[in-house]
Amino acid sequence: MDINQLMELYLSNEETYESGEIIIEEGTRANWVYIILEGQAKVTKRTDAGIVTTDKLKKGAIFGEMALLGKIPAGRSAYVIAADGAIRLGVLDSQQLLKDYESLSPALRSLITTLIMRLEESNKKVAAFVVAANRKDRAKV
């Protein structure tokens, strides 16, 4: 499904954030899912060594789905912050997404939940890798 089809089905609102503004705060609970319409965002995680950037999201990227569909008890798994200028986001209709999700077979919902949990674990590993790489770089200086 391309971005235009997705927007026709699920777009409920649009929001704009200035560079550096927090869109999603790690640990918070919310059901909003976003799609980037214009601009970029960075994904950051809290670690024992501080906050690290783990990814950069561009036009067409969807984020926030893990908290909605994965029902992650700890809340949002990362910060998402507007980067390199203003960003325009589409806010997807969470109720419609959940309605469509619930219409899937229990086996498919279970598979999606498993994949989301694996993605969350992979994100933690990426953050740990970034921390280790940063420590190595500092040790060289």
N, C-alpha and C. Protein backbone atom coordinates (compact mmCIF):
# COMPACT_ATOMS: atom_id res chain seq x y z
N MET A 1 0.85 -1.17 0.00
CA MET A 1 0.00 0.00 0.00
C MET A 1 0.90 1.23 0.00
N ASP A 2 0.65 2.14 -0.94
CA ASP A 2 1.48 3.35 -0.98
C ASP A 2 0.92 4.41 -0.03
N ILE A 3 1.67 5.49 0.11
CA ILE A 3 1.34 6.52 1.09
C ILE A 3 -0.03 7.15 0.81
N ASN A 4 -0.38 7.33 -0.47
CA ASN A 4 -1.67 7.95 -0.80
C ASN A 4 -2.84 7.05 -0.43
N GLN A 5 -2.72 5.76 -0.67
CA GLN A 5 -3.78 4.82 -0.30
C GLN A 5 -3.94 4.78 1.22
N LEU A 6 -2.82 4.77 1.93
CA LEU A 6 -2.85 4.74 3.39
C LEU A 6 -3.55 5.99 3.93
N MET A 7 -3.24 7.14 3.34
CA MET A 7 -3.84 8.38 3.81
C MET A 7 -5.34 8.40 3.55
N GLU A 8 -5.76 7.90 2.41
CA GLU A 8 -7.20 7.86 2.11
C GLU A 8 -7.95 7.03 3.14
N LEU A 9 -7.36 5.92 3.56
CA LEU A 9 -8.02 5.02 4.50
C LEU A 9 -7.98 5.50 5.94
N TYR A 10 -6.83 6.04 6.36
CA TYR A 10 -6.61 6.23 7.79
C TYR A 10 -6.30 7.64 8.27
N LEU A 11 -6.01 8.57 7.39
CA LEU A 11 -5.61 9.91 7.84
C LEU A 11 -6.77 10.61 8.55
N SER A 12 -6.51 11.06 9.79
CA SER A 12 -7.57 11.74 10.54
C SER A 12 -7.22 13.20 10.84
N ASN A 13 -5.92 13.55 10.76
CA ASN A 13 -5.50 14.90 11.12
C ASN A 13 -4.07 15.10 10.61
N GLU A 14 -3.63 16.33 10.62
CA GLU A 14 -2.23 16.65 10.32
C GLU A 14 -1.68 17.51 11.43
N GLU A 15 -0.38 17.33 11.72
CA GLU A 15 0.31 18.14 12.74
C GLU A 15 1.65 18.57 12.18
N THR A 16 2.13 19.72 12.66
CA THR A 16 3.45 20.22 12.27
C THR A 16 4.27 20.45 13.53
N TYR A 17 5.54 20.07 13.47
CA TYR A 17 6.47 20.27 14.58
C TYR A 17 7.71 20.97 14.03
N GLU A 18 8.25 21.86 14.84
CA GLU A 18 9.48 22.56 14.47
C GLU A 18 10.68 21.69 14.84
N SER A 19 11.81 21.96 14.19
CA SER A 19 13.03 21.20 14.44
C SER A 19 13.36 21.17 15.93
N GLY A 20 13.61 19.98 16.45
CA GLY A 20 13.95 19.81 17.85
C GLY A 20 12.77 19.51 18.76
N GLU A 21 11.55 19.70 18.27
CA GLU A 21 10.37 19.41 19.09
C GLU A 21 10.16 17.90 19.21
N ILE A 22 9.75 17.49 20.41
CA ILE A 22 9.48 16.07 20.68
C ILE A 22 8.09 15.73 20.17
N ILE A 23 8.01 14.70 19.34
CA ILE A 23 6.74 14.22 18.80
C ILE A 23 6.22 13.10 19.70
N ILE A 24 7.09 12.17 20.01
CA ILE A 24 6.78 11.05 20.91
C ILE A 24 7.84 11.03 22.00
N GLU A 25 7.41 10.86 23.25
CA GLU A 25 8.34 10.78 24.36
C GLU A 25 8.42 9.35 24.86
N GLU A 26 9.63 8.85 24.95
CA GLU A 26 9.86 7.48 25.41
C GLU A 26 9.20 7.26 26.77
N GLY A 27 8.52 6.12 26.93
CA GLY A 27 7.91 5.76 28.19
C GLY A 27 6.48 6.23 28.36
N THR A 28 6.04 7.17 27.52
CA THR A 28 4.66 7.65 27.64
C THR A 28 3.70 6.67 27.00
N ARG A 29 2.46 6.78 27.38
CA ARG A 29 1.42 5.92 26.80
C ARG A 29 0.53 6.77 25.91
N ALA A 30 0.35 6.31 24.69
CA ALA A 30 -0.52 6.99 23.74
C ALA A 30 -0.84 6.03 22.61
N ASN A 31 -1.88 6.33 21.89
CA ASN A 31 -2.30 5.45 20.81
C ASN A 31 -2.17 6.09 19.43
N TRP A 32 -1.42 7.17 19.32
CA TRP A 32 -1.30 7.83 18.03
C TRP A 32 -0.27 7.13 17.16
N VAL A 33 -0.60 7.00 15.89
CA VAL A 33 0.31 6.48 14.88
C VAL A 33 0.46 7.58 13.84
N TYR A 34 1.68 7.82 13.40
CA TYR A 34 1.98 8.92 12.50
C TYR A 34 2.61 8.43 11.20
N ILE A 35 2.45 9.25 10.16
CA ILE A 35 3.16 9.05 8.91
C ILE A 35 3.81 10.38 8.55
N ILE A 36 5.06 10.34 8.13
CA ILE A 36 5.76 11.58 7.77
C ILE A 36 5.33 11.99 6.36
N LEU A 37 4.74 13.19 6.26
CA LEU A 37 4.31 13.73 4.98
C LEU A 37 5.40 14.60 4.36
N GLU A 38 6.10 15.36 5.20
CA GLU A 38 7.23 16.20 4.77
C GLU A 38 8.20 16.33 5.92
N GLY A 39 9.50 16.32 5.59
CA GLY A 39 10.52 16.52 6.61
C GLY A 39 11.11 15.21 7.11
N GLN A 40 11.82 15.33 8.23
CA GLN A 40 12.54 14.20 8.81
C GLN A 40 12.42 14.21 10.32
N ALA A 41 12.62 13.04 10.91
CA ALA A 41 12.63 12.91 12.37
C ALA A 41 13.76 11.97 12.75
N LYS A 42 14.23 12.12 13.98
CA LYS A 42 15.22 11.18 14.49
C LYS A 42 14.60 10.39 15.63
N VAL A 43 15.02 9.14 15.74
CA VAL A 43 14.57 8.25 16.80
C VAL A 43 15.70 8.14 17.80
N THR A 44 15.41 8.41 19.06
CA THR A 44 16.42 8.32 20.10
C THR A 44 15.91 7.46 21.25
N LYS A 45 16.86 6.85 21.97
CA LYS A 45 16.52 6.01 23.12
C LYS A 45 17.37 6.42 24.31
N ARG A 46 16.77 6.26 25.49
CA ARG A 46 17.53 6.45 26.73
C ARG A 46 18.33 5.19 26.98
N THR A 47 19.59 5.37 27.37
CA THR A 47 20.45 4.25 27.74
C THR A 47 21.18 4.63 29.02
N ASP A 48 21.90 3.68 29.59
CA ASP A 48 22.71 3.97 30.77
C ASP A 48 23.77 5.02 30.47
N ALA A 49 24.18 5.11 29.21
CA ALA A 49 25.20 6.07 28.81
C ALA A 49 24.61 7.39 28.33
N GLY A 50 23.30 7.54 28.43
CA GLY A 50 22.65 8.76 27.97
C GLY A 50 21.74 8.48 26.79
N ILE A 51 21.34 9.53 26.11
CA ILE A 51 20.43 9.41 24.97
C ILE A 51 21.25 9.18 23.70
N VAL A 52 20.83 8.18 22.91
CA VAL A 52 21.51 7.90 21.64
C VAL A 52 20.50 7.91 20.50
N THR A 53 20.95 8.36 19.33
CA THR A 53 20.12 8.35 18.13
C THR A 53 20.29 7.00 17.46
N THR A 54 19.16 6.35 17.19
CA THR A 54 19.21 5.02 16.60
C THR A 54 18.73 4.97 15.16
N ASP A 55 18.02 6.01 14.71
CA ASP A 55 17.49 5.98 13.35
C ASP A 55 17.08 7.38 12.92
N LYS A 56 16.96 7.55 11.61
CA LYS A 56 16.44 8.79 11.04
C LYS A 56 15.29 8.39 10.12
N LEU A 57 14.15 9.04 10.29
CA LEU A 57 12.96 8.71 9.51
C LEU A 57 12.68 9.79 8.48
N LYS A 58 12.24 9.38 7.30
CA LYS A 58 11.98 10.32 6.21
C LYS A 58 10.55 10.18 5.71
N LYS A 59 10.22 10.96 4.70
CA LYS A 59 8.88 10.97 4.12
C LYS A 59 8.39 9.54 3.86
N GLY A 60 7.17 9.28 4.31
CA GLY A 60 6.56 7.96 4.12
C GLY A 60 6.74 7.02 5.29
N ALA A 61 7.65 7.36 6.20
CA ALA A 61 7.89 6.49 7.37
C ALA A 61 6.69 6.56 8.31
N ILE A 62 6.34 5.41 8.86
CA ILE A 62 5.27 5.31 9.84
C ILE A 62 5.89 4.99 11.18
N PHE A 63 5.43 5.67 12.23
CA PHE A 63 5.93 5.37 13.57
C PHE A 63 4.82 5.52 14.59
N GLY A 64 5.00 4.87 15.73
CA GLY A 64 4.00 4.88 16.79
C GLY A 64 3.15 3.62 16.82
N GLU A 65 3.33 2.76 15.82
CA GLU A 65 2.51 1.56 15.71
C GLU A 65 2.82 0.52 16.77
N MET A 66 4.04 0.52 17.28
CA MET A 66 4.42 -0.50 18.26
C MET A 66 3.59 -0.37 19.53
N ALA A 67 3.39 0.84 20.00
CA ALA A 67 2.62 1.06 21.23
C ALA A 67 1.14 0.74 21.00
N LEU A 68 0.63 1.03 19.80
CA LEU A 68 -0.78 0.79 19.52
C LEU A 68 -1.07 -0.70 19.34
N LEU A 69 -0.33 -1.36 18.46
CA LEU A 69 -0.63 -2.74 18.12
C LEU A 69 0.09 -3.76 18.99
N GLY A 70 1.27 -3.39 19.50
CA GLY A 70 2.04 -4.33 20.31
C GLY A 70 1.64 -4.34 21.77
N LYS A 71 0.84 -3.34 22.16
CA LYS A 71 0.38 -3.23 23.55
C LYS A 71 1.56 -3.37 24.52
N ILE A 72 2.60 -2.59 24.26
CA ILE A 72 3.81 -2.62 25.05
C ILE A 72 3.53 -2.01 26.42
N PRO A 73 3.68 -2.78 27.50
CA PRO A 73 3.32 -2.29 28.83
C PRO A 73 4.15 -1.10 29.31
N ALA A 74 5.37 -0.97 28.85
CA ALA A 74 6.23 0.11 29.31
C ALA A 74 5.95 1.42 28.57
N GLY A 75 5.02 1.43 27.64
CA GLY A 75 4.73 2.64 26.89
C GLY A 75 5.62 2.76 25.67
N ARG A 76 5.72 3.98 25.16
CA ARG A 76 6.51 4.23 23.95
C ARG A 76 7.95 3.79 24.15
N SER A 77 8.53 3.15 23.13
CA SER A 77 9.85 2.56 23.28
C SER A 77 11.00 3.50 22.91
N ALA A 78 10.68 4.70 22.40
CA ALA A 78 11.74 5.63 22.01
C ALA A 78 11.15 7.03 21.90
N TYR A 79 12.05 8.00 21.84
CA TYR A 79 11.66 9.37 21.50
C TYR A 79 11.66 9.47 19.97
N VAL A 80 10.77 10.28 19.44
CA VAL A 80 10.83 10.68 18.04
C VAL A 80 10.80 12.20 18.05
N ILE A 81 11.81 12.80 17.40
CA ILE A 81 12.03 14.24 17.48
C ILE A 81 12.15 14.81 16.07
N ALA A 82 11.48 15.93 15.81
CA ALA A 82 11.60 16.60 14.52
C ALA A 82 13.07 16.98 14.30
N ALA A 83 13.58 16.71 13.09
CA ALA A 83 15.00 16.94 12.81
C ALA A 83 15.17 17.71 11.51
N ASP A 84 16.19 18.53 11.47
CA ASP A 84 16.57 19.24 10.24
C ASP A 84 15.45 20.07 9.65
N GLY A 85 14.77 20.84 10.48
CA GLY A 85 13.70 21.70 10.01
C GLY A 85 12.34 21.21 10.45
N ALA A 86 11.32 21.90 10.00
CA ALA A 86 9.95 21.54 10.37
C ALA A 86 9.56 20.21 9.74
N ILE A 87 8.62 19.54 10.38
CA ILE A 87 8.11 18.26 9.87
C ILE A 87 6.59 18.32 9.89
N ARG A 88 5.98 17.81 8.81
CA ARG A 88 4.52 17.72 8.72
C ARG A 88 4.14 16.25 8.79
N LEU A 89 3.25 15.94 9.71
CA LEU A 89 2.86 14.56 9.96
C LEU A 89 1.39 14.35 9.69
N GLY A 90 1.05 13.17 9.22
CA GLY A 90 -0.33 12.73 9.18
C GLY A 90 -0.58 11.90 10.42
N VAL A 91 -1.67 12.18 11.11
CA VAL A 91 -2.06 11.39 12.28
C VAL A 91 -3.08 10.37 11.77
N LEU A 92 -2.77 9.10 11.99
CA LEU A 92 -3.65 8.05 11.50
C LEU A 92 -4.75 7.76 12.51
N ASP A 93 -5.89 7.37 12.01
CA ASP A 93 -7.08 7.09 12.82
C ASP A 93 -6.86 5.80 13.61
N SER A 94 -6.50 5.94 14.88
CA SER A 94 -6.18 4.78 15.72
C SER A 94 -7.37 3.85 15.88
N GLN A 95 -8.56 4.41 15.99
CA GLN A 95 -9.74 3.56 16.17
C GLN A 95 -9.99 2.70 14.94
N GLN A 96 -9.82 3.28 13.75
CA GLN A 96 -10.00 2.50 12.52
C GLN A 96 -8.89 1.46 12.38
N LEU A 97 -7.66 1.86 12.71
CA LEU A 97 -6.54 0.89 12.67
C LEU A 97 -6.82 -0.29 13.59
N LEU A 98 -7.27 0.00 14.81
CA LEU A 98 -7.56 -1.08 15.77
C LEU A 98 -8.73 -1.93 15.30
N LYS A 99 -9.73 -1.30 14.73
CA LYS A 99 -10.89 -2.04 14.22
C LYS A 99 -10.43 -3.02 13.13
N ASP A 100 -9.62 -2.53 12.21
CA ASP A 100 -9.12 -3.39 11.14
C ASP A 100 -8.19 -4.47 11.69
N TYR A 101 -7.36 -4.10 12.66
CA TYR A 101 -6.45 -5.06 13.30
C TYR A 101 -7.24 -6.17 13.98
N GLU A 102 -8.28 -5.79 14.71
CA GLU A 102 -9.09 -6.78 15.43
C GLU A 102 -9.85 -7.70 14.49
N SER A 103 -10.05 -7.28 13.24
CA SER A 103 -10.75 -8.12 12.27
C SER A 103 -9.85 -9.22 11.70
N LEU A 104 -8.55 -9.12 11.98
CA LEU A 104 -7.61 -10.16 11.53
C LEU A 104 -7.79 -11.42 12.36
N SER A 105 -7.32 -12.52 11.83
CA SER A 105 -7.41 -13.77 12.58
C SER A 105 -6.54 -13.68 13.83
N PRO A 106 -6.90 -14.41 14.89
CA PRO A 106 -6.07 -14.42 16.10
C PRO A 106 -4.62 -14.83 15.80
N ALA A 107 -4.43 -15.76 14.89
CA ALA A 107 -3.07 -16.20 14.55
C ALA A 107 -2.26 -15.07 13.92
N LEU A 108 -2.89 -14.31 13.02
CA LEU A 108 -2.18 -13.20 12.37
C LEU A 108 -1.89 -12.09 13.37
N ARG A 109 -2.84 -11.79 14.25
CA ARG A 109 -2.60 -10.78 15.31
C ARG A 109 -1.45 -11.22 16.20
N SER A 110 -1.40 -12.49 16.53
CA SER A 110 -0.32 -13.02 17.36
C SER A 110 1.03 -12.88 16.65
N LEU A 111 1.04 -13.14 15.36
CA LEU A 111 2.27 -12.99 14.57
C LEU A 111 2.72 -11.53 14.57
N ILE A 112 1.80 -10.60 14.37
CA ILE A 112 2.13 -9.17 14.37
C ILE A 112 2.68 -8.75 15.73
N THR A 113 2.06 -9.21 16.80
CA THR A 113 2.53 -8.89 18.15
C THR A 113 3.94 -9.42 18.36
N THR A 114 4.19 -10.65 17.91
CA THR A 114 5.53 -11.24 18.03
C THR A 114 6.55 -10.42 17.25
N LEU A 115 6.21 -10.00 16.04
CA LEU A 115 7.13 -9.19 15.24
C LEU A 115 7.41 -7.84 15.88
N ILE A 116 6.40 -7.24 16.48
CA ILE A 116 6.59 -5.96 17.16
C ILE A 116 7.52 -6.13 18.36
N MET A 117 7.34 -7.20 19.11
CA MET A 117 8.21 -7.45 20.27
C MET A 117 9.65 -7.70 19.81
N ARG A 118 9.82 -8.41 18.71
CA ARG A 118 11.17 -8.63 18.17
C ARG A 118 11.79 -7.31 17.71
N LEU A 119 10.97 -6.46 17.10
CA LEU A 119 11.47 -5.15 16.67
C LEU A 119 11.90 -4.33 17.88
N GLU A 120 11.13 -4.39 18.95
CA GLU A 120 11.50 -3.66 20.17
C GLU A 120 12.84 -4.17 20.71
N GLU A 121 13.03 -5.49 20.72
CA GLU A 121 14.31 -6.06 21.18
C GLU A 121 15.45 -5.65 20.26
N SER A 122 15.21 -5.65 18.96
CA SER A 122 16.24 -5.22 18.00
C SER A 122 16.61 -3.76 18.22
N ASN A 123 15.61 -2.92 18.49
CA ASN A 123 15.88 -1.51 18.76
C ASN A 123 16.77 -1.34 19.99
N LYS A 124 16.53 -2.15 21.01
CA LYS A 124 17.38 -2.09 22.22
C LYS A 124 18.81 -2.50 21.89
N LYS A 125 18.96 -3.51 21.04
CA LYS A 125 20.30 -3.96 20.64
C LYS A 125 21.01 -2.91 19.82
N VAL A 126 20.29 -2.23 18.93
CA VAL A 126 20.89 -1.15 18.14
C VAL A 126 21.37 -0.04 19.07
N ALA A 127 20.55 0.33 20.06
CA ALA A 127 20.94 1.37 21.00
C ALA A 127 22.20 0.96 21.75
N ALA A 128 22.28 -0.30 22.18
CA ALA A 128 23.47 -0.78 22.89
C ALA A 128 24.69 -0.75 21.97
N PHE A 129 24.50 -1.09 20.72
CA PHE A 129 25.60 -1.05 19.74
C PHE A 129 26.09 0.37 19.54
N VAL A 130 25.17 1.33 19.42
CA VAL A 130 25.54 2.74 19.24
C VAL A 130 26.33 3.23 20.46
N VAL A 131 25.89 2.86 21.66
CA VAL A 131 26.60 3.25 22.88
C VAL A 131 28.01 2.68 22.85
N ALA A 132 28.15 1.40 22.51
CA ALA A 132 29.47 0.77 22.47
C ALA A 132 30.36 1.43 21.43
N ALA A 133 29.81 1.75 20.26
CA ALA A 133 30.59 2.40 19.21
C ALA A 133 31.04 3.79 19.65
N ASN A 134 30.16 4.53 20.34
CA ASN A 134 30.51 5.87 20.84
C ASN A 134 31.62 5.78 21.87
N ARG A 135 31.56 4.79 22.73
CA ARG A 135 32.63 4.61 23.75
C ARG A 135 33.95 4.31 23.07
N LYS A 136 33.91 3.48 22.04
CA LYS A 136 35.13 3.13 21.32
C LYS A 136 35.74 4.37 20.66
N ASP A 137 34.86 5.19 20.04
CA ASP A 137 35.33 6.42 19.40
C ASP A 137 35.96 7.38 20.41
N ARG A 138 35.33 7.51 21.59
CA ARG A 138 35.88 8.40 22.63
C ARG A 138 37.22 7.89 23.15
N ALA A 139 37.38 6.58 23.19
CA ALA A 139 38.62 6.00 23.69
C ALA A 139 39.78 6.28 22.73
N LYS A 140 39.48 6.44 21.45
CA LYS A 140 40.52 6.72 20.44
C LYS A 140 41.05 8.13 20.54
N VAL A 141 40.22 9.04 21.08
CA VAL A 141 40.59 10.47 21.12
C VAL A 141 41.56 10.76 22.19
